Structures are given as structure tokens and as C-alpha cells.
């Protein structure tokens, strides 16, 4: 009889333990908040719903089945990073007043599509402006103890170079890269000073391989590849310097550059990557946008078979493959 009672007790514990521990499911090694700063690679819906683009069909057709402000057919980098850290997806800054206070405990995203380190568009705040929005919430919404268990994703810089290439003479690119990285240093130091303990900074992805450049001028493609290498080299030196100053690894580079190339060159080693037909159409976007005549825009049959969603952004399947490769390094660096 006692054995039977023990069996039922264990059974009940097994059934109800997920419910009893639901508040712990998203905590991992003490990291339970994610704050996001950046651009369209990280924006989960801050831009205005009246804007075209990420709030228009067919964006969001894979998830959540309609446009959600994500610049993809579904989940993007922020979604996958939060999942790896076992943190619930942080609410977007634009929705902070429309949700229950409990939703704020997982952090917040200040990322806006189209923005950069400097002003790349007039509508939304650049990196400095995003950090200003975050700082305004300190002492009111978030306390120092909240930030001690937090992680920041700082995803920015691609738009600065896209904007530069369309507005400035090419001979100025070297000095501009240094200017961008110098400002990133200012931003990273400020985020850490405000209290965030772990800060992840993605390197630039290989821009020469994205459809926007891959199928264009070989000269521009070569220039873009060179600027990416220069930017990433300076970024690595910066992060090493910051970690040396703080005597611990507060700053981490998320290696988008080599990870994207690993996915492009995958021959079946990456779980879940088998759906992507990289060998047939490696740098072709699923959704081809005709800006001159929207009705001529085309959509591929299956976004899961493409790495790129549009001319700049990965599909959900593309991001999934990237974070499958990054999983071990990210969790080791950001959860210790």
C-alpha cells in the first residue's frame, strides 16, 4: 500500500511540477531579463503599424501568420536569443503601456528597424536615443537588482554603412568605419554603466553575400566585403579592450560573420538546415520587392527553403540555422 501511495505521489509531482515551477522556466544561470537595442535584425515590432514593410503582407506569414513588425516571414534573432537564454520574449518599448506589468519583468526591446549608430532615418531613435529611452525607465520600471541579472543585445551598424554608401563619397569609408566603432564603444560603456552585466554585440554579417549586394556591382561587393572585415576587426579589438579593463568577460561578440558563412557552406552538418536550398539559390531572396511596382513583387513557394527573406533579412529558417550554430558559444558566454 505504501509503495502504491509513493507511486501516486511521484506521479502527481511529475504532472504538476511544471505548473508549480512555471515562474522558473525562463531563468537560466541567473539571467532572466533581455534588453535589446538595434535595428531590423532585432526589432520585434517597435515600428508604427501604419508603416509599410514589416507591417504589410507577406511579412509574418510563417509566424504569427500575419505581419507583426518583424522584418522576416517569422521569428528573428531576438526571438532565438531569448529562447536560448530561456527568457520570455521582452516586450517592445512601443507596447510597454499596453501590457500587464508582469510582462515587463522579462526586459524590453528598444530596437527599431532602419536605425543605426548614427541617424539613418528621421522617424525612429538611433542607438543613443534608444539608450535614452532605457535610462528613463531606470528607478521607475527597473531597479539596479533587476539589471544585475540582465543581458543586453546590441545589434547595430549595418544600416550606417548602407546609408553611407548611398549618400557619401567612397573614399571616406575608412574614417567612417572608425567613427562608427568609436561610437559603439561609447554606447557599450554607457549600457554597462547603467547596470547591465552581460552585453552581446553581433559582428557584421558578410554583407557582400546578402541579395542587396550579391547580385549587384562586383566593385561595390568587394568594397562592402572589405569594410565588413575592417569593422569586425576593430570591433574585436574594442571588446577585448573593454573586457581587459573590467577584468572579466562582460562583453561578448556574437559572430554573425563566420556563422552566416558556415550556414552558407553547410553540407548537412547543421540540424534543421536541410530545408534550405542554398546550393540552388544561395543568395536569392524569397520575397522580391518591386519598389516601383508593388504588384510585380514575387513570393517564393516555401520560405523554409530560403535563407534570405528579402534583400537584407534572413527568413525564420535562416535565423534558426544561425542560432543552431551559435547555441553553445552564446549560452556559455552569456549565462556564466
Protein backbone atom coordinates (compact mmCIF):
# COMPACT_ATOMS: atom_id res chain seq x y z
CA UNK A 1 0.00 0.00 0.00
CA UNK A 2 2.81 2.38 0.94
CA UNK A 3 4.51 1.64 -2.37
CA UNK A 4 1.31 2.44 -4.25
CA UNK A 5 0.91 5.75 -2.40
CA UNK A 6 4.52 6.69 -3.16
CA UNK A 7 3.91 5.90 -6.82
CA UNK A 8 0.88 8.23 -6.98
CA UNK A 9 2.76 10.93 -5.08
CA UNK A 10 5.61 10.80 -7.58
CA UNK A 11 3.12 10.80 -10.45
CA UNK A 12 1.38 13.91 -9.12
CA UNK A 13 4.74 15.63 -8.62
CA UNK A 14 5.69 14.83 -12.21
CA UNK A 15 2.39 16.16 -13.59
CA UNK A 16 2.17 19.35 -11.55
CA UNK A 17 5.83 20.33 -11.17
CA UNK A 18 5.84 22.27 -14.48
CA UNK A 19 2.94 24.33 -13.17
CA UNK A 20 4.49 24.84 -9.74
CA UNK A 21 7.76 25.93 -11.33
CA UNK A 22 6.35 27.98 -14.19
CA UNK A 23 7.96 31.16 -12.89
CA UNK A 24 11.35 29.46 -13.10
CA UNK A 25 11.09 28.10 -16.63
CA UNK A 26 12.64 31.17 -18.16
CA UNK A 27 15.52 31.56 -15.71
CA UNK A 28 18.90 30.23 -16.70
CA UNK A 29 22.02 30.65 -14.59
CA UNK A 30 20.56 33.79 -13.05
CA UNK A 31 19.90 35.61 -16.35
CA UNK A 32 16.22 36.47 -16.60
CA UNK A 33 15.94 39.77 -18.46
CA UNK A 34 16.84 40.72 -22.01
CA UNK A 35 17.20 44.32 -23.15
CA UNK A 36 17.51 44.86 -26.89
CA UNK A 37 18.98 47.82 -28.76
CA UNK A 38 19.39 47.95 -32.51
CA UNK A 39 17.86 47.70 -35.94
CA UNK A 40 15.65 45.44 -38.06
CA UNK A 41 17.71 42.34 -37.26
CA UNK A 42 16.46 42.70 -33.67
CA UNK A 43 13.18 44.67 -33.91
CA UNK A 44 10.17 42.56 -32.90
CA UNK A 45 7.57 45.24 -33.56
CA UNK A 46 8.51 48.76 -32.45
CA UNK A 47 7.88 50.48 -35.76
CA UNK A 48 4.49 52.07 -36.35
CA UNK A 49 1.76 49.78 -37.67
CA UNK A 50 0.93 52.44 -40.26
CA UNK A 51 4.37 51.97 -41.79
CA UNK A 52 4.68 49.74 -44.81
CA UNK A 53 7.21 46.95 -44.88
CA UNK A 54 7.26 44.77 -41.78
CA UNK A 55 3.60 45.53 -41.04
CA UNK A 56 2.42 44.58 -44.52
CA UNK A 57 1.72 41.25 -46.16
CA UNK A 58 3.54 38.87 -46.67
CA UNK A 59 5.78 39.69 -43.67
CA UNK A 60 4.92 37.36 -40.79
CA UNK A 61 3.33 34.64 -42.91
CA UNK A 62 5.25 31.86 -41.14
CA UNK A 63 4.87 33.39 -37.65
CA UNK A 64 2.50 34.57 -36.31
CA UNK A 65 0.59 34.14 -39.57
CA UNK A 66 0.23 37.88 -40.13
CA UNK A 67 2.54 40.94 -40.08
CA UNK A 68 3.94 41.57 -36.60
CA UNK A 69 6.56 44.24 -37.26
CA UNK A 70 9.33 41.68 -37.70
CA UNK A 71 11.42 42.08 -40.83
CA UNK A 72 11.06 38.46 -41.86
CA UNK A 73 8.48 35.79 -42.54
CA UNK A 74 8.64 34.77 -38.86
CA UNK A 75 10.92 34.70 -35.84
CA UNK A 76 14.14 36.74 -35.92
CA UNK A 77 17.38 36.99 -33.91
CA UNK A 78 15.78 38.39 -30.74
CA UNK A 79 13.29 35.52 -30.60
CA UNK A 80 16.01 32.91 -30.94
CA UNK A 81 18.37 34.57 -28.45
CA UNK A 82 15.62 34.81 -25.82
CA UNK A 83 14.80 31.14 -26.37
CA UNK A 84 18.46 30.12 -25.97
CA UNK A 85 18.68 32.08 -22.71
CA UNK A 86 15.32 30.66 -21.59
CA UNK A 87 13.94 34.15 -21.15
CA UNK A 88 10.45 35.09 -22.25
CA UNK A 89 10.49 37.44 -25.23
CA UNK A 90 10.85 41.01 -23.93
CA UNK A 91 8.01 43.39 -24.66
CA UNK A 92 8.62 46.10 -27.26
CA UNK A 93 9.00 49.65 -25.98
CA UNK A 94 6.05 50.79 -28.09
CA UNK A 95 3.77 48.31 -26.29
CA UNK A 96 5.03 48.86 -22.75
CA UNK A 97 1.93 50.84 -21.68
CA UNK A 98 -0.48 48.30 -23.20
CA UNK A 99 0.62 45.17 -21.35
CA UNK A 100 0.34 43.82 -17.83
CA UNK A 101 3.22 44.83 -15.57
CA UNK A 102 4.30 41.21 -15.28
CA UNK A 103 5.27 41.28 -18.96
CA UNK A 104 7.87 43.94 -18.21
CA UNK A 105 9.83 41.65 -15.89
CA UNK A 106 11.50 39.87 -18.82
CA UNK A 107 13.10 43.05 -20.19
CA UNK A 108 12.30 45.29 -23.12
CA UNK A 109 13.24 45.85 -26.74
CA UNK A 110 14.15 49.35 -27.88
CA UNK A 111 15.23 48.23 -31.37
CA UNK A 112 13.72 49.97 -34.37
CA UNK A 113 14.03 48.76 -37.94
CA UNK A 114 16.07 51.06 -40.15
CA UNK A 115 18.09 52.68 -37.36
CA UNK A 116 21.83 52.79 -36.79
CA UNK A 117 24.57 54.04 -34.51
CA UNK A 118 24.02 57.44 -36.10
CA UNK A 119 20.92 58.91 -37.73
CA UNK A 120 19.94 56.74 -40.68
CA UNK A 121 16.28 57.73 -40.66
CA UNK A 122 14.33 60.60 -39.16
CA UNK A 123 11.38 58.59 -37.84
CA UNK A 124 12.97 56.45 -35.13
CA UNK A 125 15.71 56.85 -32.48
CA UNK A 126 19.30 55.90 -33.24
CA UNK A 127 21.34 53.91 -30.72
CA UNK A 128 21.89 56.89 -28.43
CA UNK A 129 18.18 57.66 -28.47
CA UNK A 130 17.31 54.05 -27.68
CA UNK A 131 19.62 54.06 -24.67
CA UNK A 132 17.99 57.32 -23.56
CA UNK A 133 14.59 55.57 -23.60
CA UNK A 134 16.03 52.75 -21.49
CA UNK A 135 17.60 55.14 -18.99
CA UNK A 136 14.27 56.91 -18.48
CA UNK A 137 12.80 53.66 -17.13
CA UNK A 138 15.51 53.10 -14.51
CA UNK A 139 14.34 53.65 -10.96
CA UNK A 140 10.77 53.60 -12.17
CA UNK A 141 10.22 50.32 -14.01
CA UNK A 142 13.61 48.66 -13.45
CA UNK A 143 15.78 48.67 -10.33
CA UNK A 144 19.54 48.00 -10.01
CA UNK A 145 18.76 44.48 -8.80
CA UNK A 146 16.75 43.89 -11.98
CA UNK A 147 19.70 44.83 -14.13
CA UNK A 148 22.17 42.66 -12.24
CA UNK A 149 20.55 39.58 -13.78
CA UNK A 150 20.17 41.02 -17.27
CA UNK A 151 21.62 40.60 -20.75
CA UNK A 152 21.72 43.23 -23.48
CA UNK A 153 21.68 42.54 -27.22
CA UNK A 154 23.25 45.42 -29.14
CA UNK A 155 22.52 44.76 -32.80
CA UNK A 156 23.50 47.71 -34.94
CA UNK A 157 25.83 49.13 -37.65
CA UNK A 158 24.65 47.61 -40.93
CA UNK A 159 22.29 50.49 -41.66
CA UNK A 160 25.03 53.04 -41.03
CA UNK A 161 27.01 51.56 -43.91
CA UNK A 162 24.01 51.15 -46.19
CA UNK A 163 23.19 54.80 -45.61
CA UNK A 164 26.81 55.85 -46.10
CA UNK A 165 27.13 54.03 -49.44
CA UNK A 166 24.07 55.83 -50.79
CA UNK A 167 24.94 59.32 -49.57
CA UNK A 168 28.71 59.77 -49.12
CA UNK A 169 31.85 59.52 -51.31
CA UNK A 170 33.55 56.12 -51.11
CA UNK A 171 36.98 57.50 -50.23
CA UNK A 172 35.64 58.49 -46.80
CA UNK A 173 34.66 54.92 -45.84
CA UNK A 174 37.79 54.17 -43.77
CA UNK A 175 37.38 57.10 -41.43
CA UNK A 176 33.65 56.48 -41.22
CA UNK A 177 34.15 52.88 -40.04
CA UNK A 178 36.39 54.15 -37.24
CA UNK A 179 33.76 56.74 -36.34
CA UNK A 180 31.06 54.07 -36.14
CA UNK A 181 33.12 51.75 -33.92
CA UNK A 182 34.17 54.65 -31.68
CA UNK A 183 30.50 55.48 -31.13
CA UNK A 184 29.73 51.81 -30.45
CA UNK A 185 32.36 51.99 -27.70
CA UNK A 186 30.60 54.99 -26.16
CA UNK A 187 27.29 53.13 -26.32
CA UNK A 188 28.62 49.90 -24.80
CA UNK A 189 30.32 51.71 -21.94
CA UNK A 190 27.12 53.61 -21.22
CA UNK A 191 24.94 50.47 -21.22
CA UNK A 192 27.32 48.80 -18.78
CA UNK A 193 27.47 51.91 -16.56
CA UNK A 194 23.67 51.86 -16.36
CA UNK A 195 23.89 48.41 -14.76
CA UNK A 196 23.59 45.67 -17.37
CA UNK A 197 26.13 42.95 -16.59
CA UNK A 198 26.30 40.95 -19.82
CA UNK A 199 26.34 42.65 -23.23
CA UNK A 200 26.29 40.80 -26.55
CA UNK A 201 27.39 42.60 -29.71
CA UNK A 202 26.94 40.86 -33.07
CA UNK A 203 29.69 41.28 -35.63
CA UNK A 204 28.63 42.48 -39.05
CA UNK A 205 27.25 39.70 -41.22
CA UNK A 206 29.02 39.18 -44.59
CA UNK A 207 27.14 42.00 -46.32
CA UNK A 208 28.59 41.14 -49.72
CA UNK A 209 26.55 37.92 -49.68
CA UNK A 210 23.14 39.40 -48.97
CA UNK A 211 20.92 39.71 -52.06
CA UNK A 212 21.06 43.51 -51.94
CA UNK A 213 24.77 43.37 -52.83
CA UNK A 214 25.41 39.81 -54.02
CA UNK A 215 23.71 40.29 -57.34
CA UNK A 216 24.91 43.83 -57.96
CA UNK A 217 28.16 45.57 -58.90
CA UNK A 218 31.27 43.41 -58.27
CA UNK A 219 33.18 46.56 -57.32
CA UNK A 220 30.67 47.53 -54.65
CA UNK A 221 30.50 43.95 -53.43
CA UNK A 222 34.29 43.85 -52.98
CA UNK A 223 34.23 47.22 -51.21
CA UNK A 224 31.48 46.01 -48.87
CA UNK A 225 33.39 42.83 -48.05
CA UNK A 226 36.47 44.89 -47.17
CA UNK A 227 34.55 47.32 -44.96
CA UNK A 228 32.91 44.43 -43.08
CA UNK A 229 36.30 42.88 -42.32
CA UNK A 230 37.67 46.23 -41.16
CA UNK A 231 34.63 46.91 -38.97
CA UNK A 232 34.72 43.45 -37.40
CA UNK A 233 38.47 43.67 -36.76
CA UNK A 234 38.04 46.97 -34.92
CA UNK A 235 35.05 45.57 -33.02
CA UNK A 236 37.06 42.57 -31.80
CA UNK A 237 39.83 44.85 -30.55
CA UNK A 238 37.26 47.06 -28.83
CA UNK A 239 35.58 44.18 -26.99
CA UNK A 240 38.95 42.76 -25.93
CA UNK A 241 39.93 46.19 -24.56
CA UNK A 242 36.66 46.60 -22.65
CA UNK A 243 36.90 43.13 -21.11
CA UNK A 244 40.51 43.73 -20.15
CA UNK A 245 39.54 46.96 -18.39
CA UNK A 246 36.73 45.31 -16.43
CA UNK A 247 38.83 42.20 -15.68
CA UNK A 248 36.01 39.86 -16.72
CA UNK A 249 34.03 38.93 -19.82
CA UNK A 250 31.14 41.37 -19.60
CA UNK A 251 31.17 41.87 -23.37
CA UNK A 252 30.69 39.14 -25.95
CA UNK A 253 30.81 39.20 -29.73
CA UNK A 254 28.12 37.13 -31.43
CA UNK A 255 29.96 36.00 -34.53
CA UNK A 256 27.39 36.59 -37.26
CA UNK A 257 30.12 36.86 -39.90
CA UNK A 258 31.57 33.36 -39.65
CA UNK A 259 28.26 31.82 -38.64
CA UNK A 260 26.49 33.08 -41.76
CA UNK A 261 29.34 31.68 -43.87
CA UNK A 262 29.13 28.36 -42.01
CA UNK A 263 25.43 28.11 -42.85
CA UNK A 264 26.06 29.07 -46.48
CA UNK A 265 28.68 26.32 -46.76
CA UNK A 266 26.69 23.73 -44.82
CA UNK A 267 26.68 20.24 -46.33
CA UNK A 268 24.21 18.68 -43.92
CA UNK A 269 26.08 19.09 -40.63
CA UNK A 270 23.65 21.68 -39.21
CA UNK A 271 20.45 20.15 -37.75
CA UNK A 272 17.34 21.72 -39.22
CA UNK A 273 19.26 23.32 -42.08
CA UNK A 274 18.36 20.63 -44.62
CA UNK A 275 15.29 22.58 -45.74
CA UNK A 276 17.34 25.49 -47.08
CA UNK A 277 18.23 25.07 -50.74
CA UNK A 278 21.45 27.06 -50.53
CA UNK A 279 23.15 25.11 -53.28
CA UNK A 280 20.44 26.06 -55.78
CA UNK A 281 19.70 29.66 -54.83
CA UNK A 282 22.13 30.67 -52.07
CA UNK A 283 21.75 34.43 -52.21
CA UNK A 284 18.27 34.87 -53.64
CA UNK A 285 15.53 36.35 -51.51
CA UNK A 286 12.19 34.60 -51.01
CA UNK A 287 10.21 37.84 -51.21
CA UNK A 288 11.39 40.01 -54.10
CA UNK A 289 10.08 43.51 -53.63
CA UNK A 290 9.49 45.70 -56.67
CA UNK A 291 9.54 49.20 -55.18
CA UNK A 292 8.49 50.77 -58.46
CA UNK A 293 5.51 48.49 -58.98
CA UNK A 294 4.42 46.65 -55.82
CA UNK A 295 2.04 44.38 -57.70
CA UNK A 296 5.06 42.90 -59.52
CA UNK A 297 6.63 41.74 -56.21
CA UNK A 298 7.01 37.96 -56.04
CA UNK A 299 6.93 35.42 -53.23
CA UNK A 300 8.64 32.02 -53.23
CA UNK A 301 6.62 28.86 -52.66
CA UNK A 302 8.24 27.95 -49.32
CA UNK A 303 10.18 30.40 -47.10
CA UNK A 304 11.69 27.40 -45.28
CA UNK A 305 13.69 26.67 -48.42
CA UNK A 306 15.36 30.11 -48.45
CA UNK A 307 17.96 31.68 -46.18
CA UNK A 308 17.04 35.25 -47.12
CA UNK A 309 13.53 36.60 -46.80
CA UNK A 310 14.06 39.88 -48.67
CA UNK A 311 17.10 41.74 -49.95
CA UNK A 312 18.51 42.32 -46.46
CA UNK A 313 16.95 39.99 -43.89
CA UNK A 314 17.08 36.25 -43.19
CA UNK A 315 14.00 34.07 -43.09
CA UNK A 316 12.91 32.38 -39.87
CA UNK A 317 14.63 29.23 -41.15
CA UNK A 318 17.76 31.25 -41.84
CA UNK A 319 17.86 32.67 -38.32
CA UNK A 320 17.14 29.22 -36.89
CA UNK A 321 20.21 27.84 -38.66
CA UNK A 322 22.37 30.73 -37.46
CA UNK A 323 21.40 30.25 -33.82
CA UNK A 324 21.76 26.48 -34.09
CA UNK A 325 25.44 27.09 -34.89
CA UNK A 326 25.79 29.78 -32.23
CA UNK A 327 23.99 27.93 -29.42
CA UNK A 328 26.89 26.58 -27.36
CA UNK A 329 29.05 29.70 -27.53
CA UNK A 330 26.20 32.05 -26.67
CA UNK A 331 24.93 30.13 -23.67
CA UNK A 332 28.46 29.69 -22.33
CA UNK A 333 29.33 33.38 -22.71
CA UNK A 334 26.09 34.97 -21.54
CA UNK A 335 24.91 32.75 -18.72
CA UNK A 336 28.05 32.36 -16.60
